[in-house]
Amino acid sequence: RGLPLGVLAALVMACSGPVIEGSGDAESDTAGGETEGTDDTSGSTNGGSSGPTGSGSDSDGTTTEGTTAGTTDGVTDPTTTDPTTDPTMDPTTDPSTDPSTDPTTDPTTDPTTDPTTDTTDPTTDPTTTTDPTTDTTDATSDSDSDSTGDMCNPPPPFAEIYWVADADVVAPMVAEASQLLPGNPIAAHSDVEGEGTVTFHVDIACQGTYYAWGLAFDGTDITGNPDSYWVSFDGGQEILWSYGCGGVDQWGWDKVDITGQNCSESAFTMNLDPGPHTIRLRNREDPGFMQAPAYVAAIVVSDDGNFNPNSLYAP
């Protein structure tokens, strides 16, 4: 019995068809009627049944292989690409581990700007260390309420020198530089008997008894030559101070005492309250024919009756 013409024509075409790249095996077996490497899910062009391997049989018992060889030439099967080797998925490039975003380098946590390291110690605020209201040396403070300021309880030693250059000189008293004293300080003198004054301004911190010395000039040792002044403090009664009796030769310091007849002396003291005071010297004698007036250049005031004025200035 012969094959139908249509089937015979199909077999002829299958055996003589071209080889297609990527179809698996490039060989055709004309003797067995097989085409290798084609993936035929239908099993046969003549309606044969298909098994799980993709093979089928036609009506004349010819078998066509439908299995997939799994090999391809030159084409990368995307189903065979291992996703673990995809460079775009390399975990070593995970942006979450980018060192540029490492939280340990967060500039907001820079220790150089840590407010806990602020070097401005509030305990060293200079505005709290120089408050004059808390000055314990304030003479007006009196912690024991004994009417004596804390600074004057007990009073510190006091000794100050006051120069004619800083005093008030009233004519005919005149002031001029001394040619005999070291440093040539200003000295005052008057050529008119009983006229001309020099007033020194003294500031006292503590109440107490004070003493005075005068830096005076005695030009000669002749009896009756000018060597005295009238002295008063705070505008009070004048006392006679004759420094010639004290043995001043040329320039020297002499304690201001009350001079009596025959050069007798009694202590001159000043009971002064805190605050400003004045000590005034008024010319007493006429310079006479020798024209050697009395001179004064400075006074010293101290609360120590035995103070040595030479420790402040040695003529």
C-alpha atoms as a PDB file:
ATOM      1  CA  ARG A   1       0.000   0.000   0.000  1.00  0.00           C
ATOM      2  CA  GLY A   2       1.573   3.369  -0.883  1.00  0.00           C
ATOM      3  CA  LEU A   3       1.754   6.675   1.157  1.00  0.00           C
ATOM      4  CA  PRO A   4      -0.511   9.538   0.338  1.00  0.00           C
ATOM      5  CA  LEU A   5       1.075  12.181  -1.806  1.00  0.00           C
ATOM      6  CA  GLY A   6       0.749  14.913   0.845  1.00  0.00           C
ATOM      7  CA  VAL A   7       2.627  12.908   3.447  1.00  0.00           C
ATOM      8  CA  LEU A   8       5.298  11.968   1.027  1.00  0.00           C
ATOM      9  CA  ALA A   9       5.825  15.591   0.063  1.00  0.00           C
ATOM     10  CA  ALA A  10       6.198  16.599   3.729  1.00  0.00           C
ATOM     11  CA  LEU A  11       8.834  13.988   4.312  1.00  0.00           C
ATOM     12  CA  VAL A  12      10.793  15.124   1.291  1.00  0.00           C
ATOM     13  CA  MET A  13      10.770  18.721   2.530  1.00  0.00           C
ATOM     14  CA  ALA A  14      11.820  17.706   6.022  1.00  0.00           C
ATOM     15  CA  CYS A  15      14.778  15.759   4.792  1.00  0.00           C
ATOM     16  CA  SER A  16      16.071  18.433   2.422  1.00  0.00           C
ATOM     17  CA  GLY A  17      15.386  21.646   4.493  1.00  0.00           C
ATOM     18  CA  PRO A  18      18.181  24.126   5.462  1.00  0.00           C
ATOM     19  CA  VAL A  19      20.107  24.025   8.758  1.00  0.00           C
ATOM     20  CA  ILE A  20      19.137  26.905  11.086  1.00  0.00           C
ATOM     21  CA  GLU A  21      21.809  28.408  13.650  1.00  0.00           C
ATOM     22  CA  GLY A  22      20.853  27.713  17.199  1.00  0.00           C
ATOM     23  CA  SER A  23      18.550  24.719  16.471  1.00  0.00           C
ATOM     24  CA  GLY A  24      20.799  22.322  18.379  1.00  0.00           C
ATOM     25  CA  ASP A  25      22.484  19.631  16.142  1.00  0.00           C
ATOM     26  CA  ALA A  26      23.218  20.779  12.620  1.00  0.00           C
ATOM     27  CA  GLU A  27      22.999  17.233  11.172  1.00  0.00           C
ATOM     28  CA  SER A  28      19.900  15.632   9.510  1.00  0.00           C
ATOM     29  CA  ASP A  29      19.369  11.891   9.362  1.00  0.00           C
ATOM     30  CA  THR A  30      17.645  11.247   6.047  1.00  0.00           C
ATOM     31  CA  ALA A  31      17.590   7.504   6.577  1.00  0.00           C
ATOM     32  CA  GLY A  32      15.682   7.545   9.840  1.00  0.00           C
ATOM     33  CA  GLY A  33      13.497  10.558   9.095  1.00  0.00           C
ATOM     34  CA  GLU A  34      14.602  12.462  12.264  1.00  0.00           C
ATOM     35  CA  THR A  35      15.337  16.133  12.761  1.00  0.00           C
ATOM     36  CA  GLU A  36      17.525  16.610  15.936  1.00  0.00           C
ATOM     37  CA  GLY A  37      17.434  19.614  18.174  1.00  0.00           C
ATOM     38  CA  THR A  38      14.081  21.099  17.254  1.00  0.00           C
ATOM     39  CA  ASP A  39      11.722  21.777  20.089  1.00  0.00           C
ATOM     40  CA  ASP A  40       8.391  20.610  18.712  1.00  0.00           C
ATOM     41  CA  THR A  41       5.718  20.838  21.375  1.00  0.00           C
ATOM     42  CA  SER A  42       3.074  19.595  18.973  1.00  0.00           C
ATOM     43  CA  GLY A  43       4.833  16.247  18.457  1.00  0.00           C
ATOM     44  CA  SER A  44       3.776  15.885  14.755  1.00  0.00           C
ATOM     45  CA  THR A  45       2.394  17.852  11.930  1.00  0.00           C
ATOM     46  CA  ASN A  46      -0.194  15.171  11.530  1.00  0.00           C
ATOM     47  CA  GLY A  47      -1.817  15.584  14.916  1.00  0.00           C
ATOM     48  CA  GLY A  48       0.051  12.931  16.922  1.00  0.00           C
ATOM     49  CA  SER A  49      -0.171  13.033  20.721  1.00  0.00           C
ATOM     50  CA  SER A  50       2.576  14.731  22.735  1.00  0.00           C
ATOM     51  CA  GLY A  51       4.208  13.180  25.777  1.00  0.00           C
ATOM     52  CA  PRO A  52       5.963  14.869  28.725  1.00  0.00           C
ATOM     53  CA  THR A  53       9.275  14.771  26.823  1.00  0.00           C
ATOM     54  CA  GLY A  54       7.831  16.665  23.891  1.00  0.00           C
ATOM     55  CA  SER A  55       8.035  13.672  21.499  1.00  0.00           C
ATOM     56  CA  GLY A  56       5.120  12.584  19.307  1.00  0.00           C
ATOM     57  CA  SER A  57       4.295   9.947  16.704  1.00  0.00           C
ATOM     58  CA  ASP A  58       2.423  10.474  13.480  1.00  0.00           C
ATOM     59  CA  SER A  59      -0.018   8.207  11.862  1.00  0.00           C
ATOM     60  CA  ASP A  60       2.605   6.148  10.035  1.00  0.00           C
ATOM     61  CA  GLY A  61       4.748   5.478  13.137  1.00  0.00           C
ATOM     62  CA  THR A  62       7.476   8.011  12.363  1.00  0.00           C
ATOM     63  CA  THR A  63       8.853   9.624  15.545  1.00  0.00           C
ATOM     64  CA  THR A  64       9.992  13.243  15.754  1.00  0.00           C
ATOM     65  CA  GLU A  65      12.268  14.128  18.730  1.00  0.00           C
ATOM     66  CA  GLY A  66      10.947  17.146  20.673  1.00  0.00           C
ATOM     67  CA  THR A  67      13.431  17.197  23.581  1.00  0.00           C
ATOM     68  CA  THR A  68      15.477  20.315  24.151  1.00  0.00           C
ATOM     69  CA  ALA A  69      19.232  19.775  23.897  1.00  0.00           C
ATOM     70  CA  GLY A  70      19.893  22.820  26.155  1.00  0.00           C
ATOM     71  CA  THR A  71      22.817  24.082  24.096  1.00  0.00           C
ATOM     72  CA  THR A  72      22.863  27.251  22.025  1.00  0.00           C
ATOM     73  CA  ASP A  73      25.593  28.724  19.866  1.00  0.00           C
ATOM     74  CA  GLY A  74      26.605  32.334  20.609  1.00  0.00           C
ATOM     75  CA  VAL A  75      23.478  33.319  22.487  1.00  0.00           C
ATOM     76  CA  THR A  76      23.486  33.815  26.240  1.00  0.00           C
ATOM     77  CA  ASP A  77      20.439  32.230  27.693  1.00  0.00           C
ATOM     78  CA  PRO A  78      19.099  34.712  30.206  1.00  0.00           C
ATOM     79  CA  THR A  79      17.660  31.868  32.209  1.00  0.00           C
ATOM     80  CA  THR A  80      21.151  30.503  32.875  1.00  0.00           C
ATOM     81  CA  THR A  81      22.610  33.780  34.231  1.00  0.00           C
ATOM     82  CA  ASP A  82      23.425  33.433  37.912  1.00  0.00           C
ATOM     83  CA  PRO A  83      21.967  36.539  39.620  1.00  0.00           C
ATOM     84  CA  THR A  84      24.552  36.269  42.355  1.00  0.00           C
ATOM     85  CA  THR A  85      27.248  37.288  39.870  1.00  0.00           C
ATOM     86  CA  ASP A  86      25.396  40.334  38.580  1.00  0.00           C
ATOM     87  CA  PRO A  87      27.839  43.232  39.203  1.00  0.00           C
ATOM     88  CA  THR A  88      24.940  45.546  39.716  1.00  0.00           C
ATOM     89  CA  MET A  89      23.923  43.457  42.673  1.00  0.00           C
ATOM     90  CA  ASP A  90      27.368  43.174  44.254  1.00  0.00           C
ATOM     91  CA  PRO A  91      26.728  43.594  47.979  1.00  0.00           C
ATOM     92  CA  THR A  92      30.179  45.119  48.424  1.00  0.00           C
ATOM     93  CA  THR A  93      28.851  48.208  46.699  1.00  0.00           C
ATOM     94  CA  ASP A  94      25.821  48.458  48.921  1.00  0.00           C
ATOM     95  CA  PRO A  95      25.270  52.229  49.294  1.00  0.00           C
ATOM     96  CA  SER A  96      24.275  51.659  52.867  1.00  0.00           C
ATOM     97  CA  THR A  97      27.940  50.880  53.585  1.00  0.00           C
ATOM     98  CA  ASP A  98      29.331  53.841  51.637  1.00  0.00           C
ATOM     99  CA  PRO A  99      32.089  55.286  53.896  1.00  0.00           C
ATOM    100  CA  SER A 100      31.124  58.763  52.812  1.00  0.00           C
ATOM    101  CA  THR A 101      27.926  58.276  54.757  1.00  0.00           C
ATOM    102  CA  ASP A 102      29.530  56.528  57.691  1.00  0.00           C
ATOM    103  CA  PRO A 103      27.687  57.891  60.745  1.00  0.00           C
ATOM    104  CA  THR A 104      30.945  57.905  62.659  1.00  0.00           C
ATOM    105  CA  THR A 105      32.065  60.809  60.469  1.00  0.00           C
ATOM    106  CA  ASP A 106      28.857  62.779  60.891  1.00  0.00           C
ATOM    107  CA  PRO A 107      30.023  66.420  61.110  1.00  0.00           C
ATOM    108  CA  THR A 108      27.234  67.166  63.522  1.00  0.00           C
ATOM    109  CA  THR A 109      29.042  65.042  66.085  1.00  0.00           C
ATOM    110  CA  ASP A 110      32.433  66.720  65.595  1.00  0.00           C
ATOM    111  CA  PRO A 111      33.918  66.808  69.120  1.00  0.00           C
ATOM    112  CA  THR A 112      35.554  70.136  68.380  1.00  0.00           C
ATOM    113  CA  THR A 113      32.130  71.723  68.470  1.00  0.00           C
ATOM    114  CA  ASP A 114      30.799  69.689  71.352  1.00  0.00           C
ATOM    115  CA  PRO A 115      29.117  72.219  73.664  1.00  0.00           C
ATOM    116  CA  THR A 116      30.183  70.122  76.613  1.00  0.00           C
ATOM    117  CA  THR A 117      33.767  71.199  75.909  1.00  0.00           C
ATOM    118  CA  ASP A 118      33.021  74.935  76.143  1.00  0.00           C
ATOM    119  CA  THR A 119      36.120  76.495  77.655  1.00  0.00           C
ATOM    120  CA  THR A 120      34.230  79.478  79.030  1.00  0.00           C
ATOM    121  CA  ASP A 121      33.920  78.570  82.679  1.00  0.00           C
ATOM    122  CA  PRO A 122      31.038  80.541  84.181  1.00  0.00           C
ATOM    123  CA  THR A 123      32.790  80.405  87.520  1.00  0.00           C
ATOM    124  CA  THR A 124      35.502  82.681  86.095  1.00  0.00           C
ATOM    125  CA  ASP A 125      33.127  85.404  84.925  1.00  0.00           C
ATOM    126  CA  PRO A 126      35.154  88.600  85.508  1.00  0.00           C
ATOM    127  CA  THR A 127      31.977  90.533  86.187  1.00  0.00           C
ATOM    128  CA  THR A 128      31.587  88.624  89.450  1.00  0.00           C
ATOM    129  CA  THR A 129      35.131  89.067  90.743  1.00  0.00           C
ATOM    130  CA  THR A 130      35.498  92.856  90.728  1.00  0.00           C
ATOM    131  CA  ASP A 131      32.228  93.935  92.304  1.00  0.00           C
ATOM    132  CA  PRO A 132      33.177  96.952  94.428  1.00  0.00           C
ATOM    133  CA  THR A 133      30.198  96.355  96.680  1.00  0.00           C
ATOM    134  CA  THR A 134      31.906  93.238  98.020  1.00  0.00           C
ATOM    135  CA  ASP A 135      35.334  94.811  98.552  1.00  0.00           C
ATOM    136  CA  THR A 136      36.300  93.841 102.088  1.00  0.00           C
ATOM    137  CA  THR A 137      38.820  96.709 102.232  1.00  0.00           C
ATOM    138  CA  ASP A 138      36.123  99.380 101.881  1.00  0.00           C
ATOM    139  CA  ALA A 139      36.726 101.887 104.670  1.00  0.00           C
ATOM    140  CA  THR A 140      32.978 102.438 105.021  1.00  0.00           C
ATOM    141  CA  SER A 141      32.273  98.781 105.909  1.00  0.00           C
ATOM    142  CA  ASP A 142      31.951  97.962 109.605  1.00  0.00           C
ATOM    143  CA  SER A 143      31.347  94.243 110.169  1.00  0.00           C
ATOM    144  CA  ASP A 144      31.570  94.476 113.985  1.00  0.00           C
ATOM    145  CA  SER A 145      29.439  97.655 114.235  1.00  0.00           C
ATOM    146  CA  ASP A 146      31.962  99.447 116.443  1.00  0.00           C
ATOM    147  CA  SER A 147      31.735 102.696 114.409  1.00  0.00           C
ATOM    148  CA  THR A 148      35.225 102.044 113.038  1.00  0.00           C
ATOM    149  CA  GLY A 149      35.582 100.896 109.440  1.00  0.00           C
ATOM    150  CA  ASP A 150      36.995  97.414 108.874  1.00  0.00           C
ATOM    151  CA  MET A 151      39.975  98.849 106.995  1.00  0.00           C
ATOM    152  CA  CYS A 152      40.825 100.972 110.058  1.00  0.00           C
ATOM    153  CA  ASN A 153      40.392  98.255 112.654  1.00  0.00           C
ATOM    154  CA  PRO A 154      43.244  98.368 113.380  1.00  0.00           C
ATOM    155  CA  PRO A 155      44.405 101.260 111.190  1.00  0.00           C
ATOM    156  CA  PRO A 156      47.333 100.540 108.877  1.00  0.00           C
ATOM    157  CA  PRO A 157      50.545 102.567 109.264  1.00  0.00           C
ATOM    158  CA  PHE A 158      50.222 105.942 107.592  1.00  0.00           C
ATOM    159  CA  ALA A 159      52.992 108.248 106.357  1.00  0.00           C
ATOM    160  CA  GLU A 160      52.724 110.536 103.337  1.00  0.00           C
ATOM    161  CA  ILE A 161      54.839 113.323 101.892  1.00  0.00           C
ATOM    162  CA  TYR A 162      53.192 116.449 100.462  1.00  0.00           C
ATOM    163  CA  TRP A 163      55.167 118.823  98.227  1.00  0.00           C
ATOM    164  CA  VAL A 164      54.878 122.579  97.749  1.00  0.00           C
ATOM    165  CA  ALA A 165      54.512 121.881  94.019  1.00  0.00           C
ATOM    166  CA  ASP A 166      51.075 120.387  94.826  1.00  0.00           C
ATOM    167  CA  ALA A 167      50.086 123.001  97.421  1.00  0.00           C
ATOM    168  CA  ASP A 168      48.251 126.313  97.207  1.00  0.00           C
ATOM    169  CA  VAL A 169      50.725 129.202  97.323  1.00  0.00           C
ATOM    170  CA  VAL A 170      49.369 132.695  98.069  1.00  0.00           C
ATOM    171  CA  ALA A 171      51.462 135.850  97.467  1.00  0.00           C
ATOM    172  CA  PRO A 172      53.649 137.376  98.560  1.00  0.00           C
ATOM    173  CA  MET A 173      54.737 133.764  99.130  1.00  0.00           C
ATOM    174  CA  VAL A 174      56.523 132.580  95.973  1.00  0.00           C
ATOM    175  CA  ALA A 175      57.509 129.135  94.722  1.00  0.00           C
ATOM    176  CA  GLU A 176      60.747 128.381  92.904  1.00  0.00           C
ATOM    177  CA  ALA A 177      63.041 125.431  92.299  1.00  0.00           C
ATOM    178  CA  SER A 178      65.552 124.754  95.052  1.00  0.00           C
ATOM    179  CA  GLN A 179      69.168 124.712  93.933  1.00  0.00           C
ATOM    180  CA  LEU A 180      70.381 122.739  96.951  1.00  0.00           C
ATOM    181  CA  LEU A 181      67.899 119.860  97.312  1.00  0.00           C
ATOM    182  CA  PRO A 182      68.304 116.590  95.380  1.00  0.00           C
ATOM    183  CA  GLY A 183      66.078 116.667  92.332  1.00  0.00           C
ATOM    184  CA  ASN A 184      65.563 120.428  92.686  1.00  0.00           C
ATOM    185  CA  PRO A 185      62.018 120.332  94.075  1.00  0.00           C
ATOM    186  CA  ILE A 186      59.907 123.475  94.318  1.00  0.00           C
ATOM    187  CA  ALA A 187      60.321 125.478  97.555  1.00  0.00           C
ATOM    188  CA  ALA A 188      58.288 128.418  98.897  1.00  0.00           C
ATOM    189  CA  HIS A 189      59.381 131.593 100.681  1.00  0.00           C
ATOM    190  CA  SER A 190      58.138 135.110 101.426  1.00  0.00           C
ATOM    191  CA  ASP A 191      60.082 138.327 101.810  1.00  0.00           C
ATOM    192  CA  VAL A 192      57.273 140.074 103.697  1.00  0.00           C
ATOM    193  CA  GLU A 193      56.886 139.636 107.424  1.00  0.00           C
ATOM    194  CA  GLY A 194      53.602 138.004 108.420  1.00  0.00           C
ATOM    195  CA  GLU A 195      52.371 137.640 104.835  1.00  0.00           C
ATOM    196  CA  GLY A 196      52.225 134.867 102.277  1.00  0.00           C
ATOM    197  CA  THR A 197      50.905 131.352 102.848  1.00  0.00           C
ATOM    198  CA  VAL A 198      51.307 127.828 101.500  1.00  0.00           C
ATOM    199  CA  THR A 199      48.474 125.354 102.124  1.00  0.00           C
ATOM    200  CA  PHE A 200      48.913 121.569 101.859  1.00  0.00           C
ATOM    201  CA  HIS A 201      45.954 119.242 101.205  1.00  0.00           C
ATOM    202  CA  VAL A 202      45.955 115.998 103.194  1.00  0.00           C
ATOM    203  CA  ASP A 203      43.515 113.090 102.788  1.00  0.00           C
ATOM    204  CA  ILE A 204      43.050 110.805 105.795  1.00  0.00           C
ATOM    205  CA  ALA A 205      41.499 107.319 105.593  1.00  0.00           C
ATOM    206  CA  CYS A 206      41.252 106.464 109.303  1.00  0.00           C
ATOM    207  CA  GLN A 207      40.403 108.532 112.324  1.00  0.00           C
ATOM    208  CA  GLY A 208      43.330 109.075 114.680  1.00  0.00           C
ATOM    209  CA  THR A 209      46.092 111.275 116.048  1.00  0.00           C
ATOM    210  CA  TYR A 210      48.594 112.556 113.505  1.00  0.00           C
ATOM    211  CA  TYR A 211      51.957 114.342 113.562  1.00  0.00           C
ATOM    212  CA  ALA A 212      53.715 116.617 111.088  1.00  0.00           C
ATOM    213  CA  TRP A 213      57.306 117.317 109.981  1.00  0.00           C
ATOM    214  CA  GLY A 214      58.508 120.141 107.769  1.00  0.00           C
ATOM    215  CA  LEU A 215      61.359 120.163 105.229  1.00  0.00           C
ATOM    216  CA  ALA A 216      62.745 123.634 105.930  1.00  0.00           C
ATOM    217  CA  PHE A 217      65.819 125.762 105.202  1.00  0.00           C
ATOM    218  CA  ASP A 218      67.836 127.732 107.778  1.00  0.00           C
ATOM    219  CA  GLY A 219      70.378 129.852 105.951  1.00  0.00           C
ATOM    220  CA  THR A 220      72.434 130.995 108.973  1.00  0.00           C
ATOM    221  CA  ASP A 221      72.943 130.242 112.629  1.00  0.00           C
ATOM    222  CA  ILE A 222      72.678 133.879 113.640  1.00  0.00           C
ATOM    223  CA  THR A 223      70.158 134.542 116.399  1.00  0.00           C
ATOM    224  CA  GLY A 224      67.062 136.243 115.096  1.00  0.00           C
ATOM    225  CA  ASN A 225      67.384 135.137 111.455  1.00  0.00           C
ATOM    226  CA  PRO A 226      64.219 133.896 109.688  1.00  0.00           C
ATOM    227  CA  ASP A 227      63.591 130.262 110.660  1.00  0.00           C
ATOM    228  CA  SER A 228      59.937 130.000 111.711  1.00  0.00           C
ATOM    229  CA  TYR A 229      56.316 129.792 110.520  1.00  0.00           C
ATOM    230  CA  TRP A 230      52.840 130.128 111.900  1.00  0.00           C
ATOM    231  CA  VAL A 231      51.114 126.738 111.533  1.00  0.00           C
ATOM    232  CA  SER A 232      47.439 125.791 111.638  1.00  0.00           C
ATOM    233  CA  PHE A 233      45.300 122.890 110.432  1.00  0.00           C
ATOM    234  CA  ASP A 234      41.735 122.973 109.131  1.00  0.00           C
ATOM    235  CA  GLY A 235      41.597 126.754 109.667  1.00  0.00           C
ATOM    236  CA  GLY A 236      42.145 126.456 113.423  1.00  0.00           C
ATOM    237  CA  GLN A 237      44.307 128.414 115.816  1.00  0.00           C
ATOM    238  CA  GLU A 238      47.887 129.078 114.718  1.00  0.00           C
ATOM    239  CA  ILE A 239      50.875 127.804 116.672  1.00  0.00           C
ATOM    240  CA  LEU A 240      54.480 128.957 116.433  1.00  0.00           C
ATOM    241  CA  TRP A 241      56.863 126.491 114.827  1.00  0.00           C
ATOM    242  CA  SER A 242      60.469 127.599 115.081  1.00  0.00           C
ATOM    243  CA  TYR A 243      62.582 125.013 113.280  1.00  0.00           C
ATOM    244  CA  GLY A 244      65.770 127.013 113.928  1.00  0.00           C
ATOM    245  CA  CYS A 245      65.630 125.767 117.507  1.00  0.00           C
ATOM    246  CA  GLY A 246      65.670 122.217 116.257  1.00  0.00           C
ATOM    247  CA  GLY A 247      69.140 122.563 114.850  1.00  0.00           C
ATOM    248  CA  VAL A 248      68.250 122.580 111.129  1.00  0.00           C
ATOM    249  CA  ASP A 249      71.346 123.497 109.149  1.00  0.00           C
ATOM    250  CA  GLN A 250      70.626 124.362 105.550  1.00  0.00           C
ATOM    251  CA  TRP A 251      67.905 121.912 104.445  1.00  0.00           C
ATOM    252  CA  GLY A 252      66.539 119.347 106.891  1.00  0.00           C
ATOM    253  CA  TRP A 253      63.466 117.756 108.465  1.00  0.00           C
ATOM    254  CA  ASP A 254      62.120 119.125 111.734  1.00  0.00           C
ATOM    255  CA  LYS A 255      59.112 117.936 113.676  1.00  0.00           C
ATOM    256  CA  VAL A 256      56.355 120.545 113.948  1.00  0.00           C
ATOM    257  CA  ASP A 257      56.017 121.327 117.657  1.00  0.00           C
ATOM    258  CA  ILE A 258      54.696 124.264 119.595  1.00  0.00           C
ATOM    259  CA  THR A 259      57.641 126.525 120.302  1.00  0.00           C
ATOM    260  CA  GLY A 260      57.715 128.617 123.462  1.00  0.00           C
ATOM    261  CA  GLN A 261      60.172 131.059 124.965  1.00  0.00           C
ATOM    262  CA  ASN A 262      63.840 130.130 124.811  1.00  0.00           C
ATOM    263  CA  CYS A 263      63.062 127.410 122.239  1.00  0.00           C
ATOM    264  CA  SER A 264      60.993 125.337 124.631  1.00  0.00           C
ATOM    265  CA  GLU A 265      58.785 122.886 122.756  1.00  0.00           C
ATOM    266  CA  SER A 266      55.567 121.040 123.422  1.00  0.00           C
ATOM    267  CA  ALA A 267      54.010 118.375 121.291  1.00  0.00           C
ATOM    268  CA  PHE A 268      51.791 119.401 118.454  1.00  0.00           C
ATOM    269  CA  THR A 269      49.199 116.778 117.516  1.00  0.00           C
ATOM    270  CA  MET A 270      46.255 116.744 115.121  1.00  0.00           C
ATOM    271  CA  ASN A 271      43.159 114.678 115.893  1.00  0.00           C
ATOM    272  CA  LEU A 272      41.747 114.050 112.424  1.00  0.00           C
ATOM    273  CA  ASP A 273      38.629 112.318 111.155  1.00  0.00           C
ATOM    274  CA  PRO A 274      38.595 110.436 107.839  1.00  0.00           C
ATOM    275  CA  GLY A 275      38.465 112.764 104.865  1.00  0.00           C
ATOM    276  CA  PRO A 276      40.266 115.836 103.463  1.00  0.00           C
ATOM    277  CA  HIS A 277      42.181 118.248 105.688  1.00  0.00           C
ATOM    278  CA  THR A 278      44.439 121.255 105.273  1.00  0.00           C
ATOM    279  CA  ILE A 279      47.706 122.304 106.907  1.00  0.00           C
ATOM    280  CA  ARG A 280      48.689 125.929 106.384  1.00  0.00           C
ATOM    281  CA  LEU A 281      52.058 127.646 106.933  1.00  0.00           C
ATOM    282  CA  ARG A 282      52.163 131.454 107.072  1.00  0.00           C
ATOM    283  CA  ASN A 283      55.391 133.438 106.833  1.00  0.00           C
ATOM    284  CA  ARG A 284      56.429 134.951 110.169  1.00  0.00           C
ATOM    285  CA  GLU A 285      59.714 136.862 109.817  1.00  0.00           C
ATOM    286  CA  ASP A 286      61.250 139.548 107.676  1.00  0.00           C
ATOM    287  CA  PRO A 287      64.372 138.301 105.841  1.00  0.00           C
ATOM    288  CA  GLY A 288      66.286 141.332 107.157  1.00  0.00           C
ATOM    289  CA  PHE A 289      69.419 142.806 105.761  1.00  0.00           C
ATOM    290  CA  MET A 290      70.858 139.344 104.970  1.00  0.00           C
ATOM    291  CA  GLN A 291      67.970 138.563 102.640  1.00  0.00           C
ATOM    292  CA  ALA A 292      67.824 134.950 103.832  1.00  0.00           C
ATOM    293  CA  PRO A 293      64.122 134.156 104.150  1.00  0.00           C
ATOM    294  CA  ALA A 294      62.685 130.997 105.618  1.00  0.00           C
ATOM    295  CA  TYR A 295      62.033 128.266 103.058  1.00  0.00           C
ATOM    296  CA  VAL A 296      59.785 125.206 103.088  1.00  0.00           C
ATOM    297  CA  ALA A 297      59.643 122.522 100.402  1.00  0.00           C
ATOM    298  CA  ALA A 298      57.400 119.781 101.847  1.00  0.00           C
ATOM    299  CA  ILE A 299      55.683 118.332 104.893  1.00  0.00           C
ATOM    300  CA  VAL A 300      55.195 114.736 106.069  1.00  0.00           C
ATOM    301  CA  VAL A 301      52.101 113.560 107.968  1.00  0.00           C
ATOM    302  CA  SER A 302      52.127 110.288 109.917  1.00  0.00           C
ATOM    303  CA  ASP A 303      50.190 108.544 112.662  1.00  0.00           C
ATOM    304  CA  ASP A 304      53.529 107.465 114.177  1.00  0.00           C
ATOM    305  CA  GLY A 305      55.072 110.134 116.404  1.00  0.00           C
ATOM    306  CA  ASN A 306      58.513 108.508 115.993  1.00  0.00           C
ATOM    307  CA  PHE A 307      58.463 108.307 112.224  1.00  0.00           C
ATOM    308  CA  ASN A 308      61.673 109.221 110.364  1.00  0.00           C
ATOM    309  CA  PRO A 309      60.851 111.413 107.312  1.00  0.00           C
ATOM    310  CA  ASN A 310      64.260 110.694 105.774  1.00  0.00           C
ATOM    311  CA  SER A 311      62.871 107.273 104.799  1.00  0.00           C
ATOM    312  CA  LEU A 312      60.626 109.085 102.324  1.00  0.00           C
ATOM    313  CA  TYR A 313      63.047 111.764 101.132  1.00  0.00           C
ATOM    314  CA  ALA A 314      66.609 112.457 102.280  1.00  0.00           C
ATOM    315  CA  PRO A 315      67.729 116.077 101.649  1.00  0.00           C
END
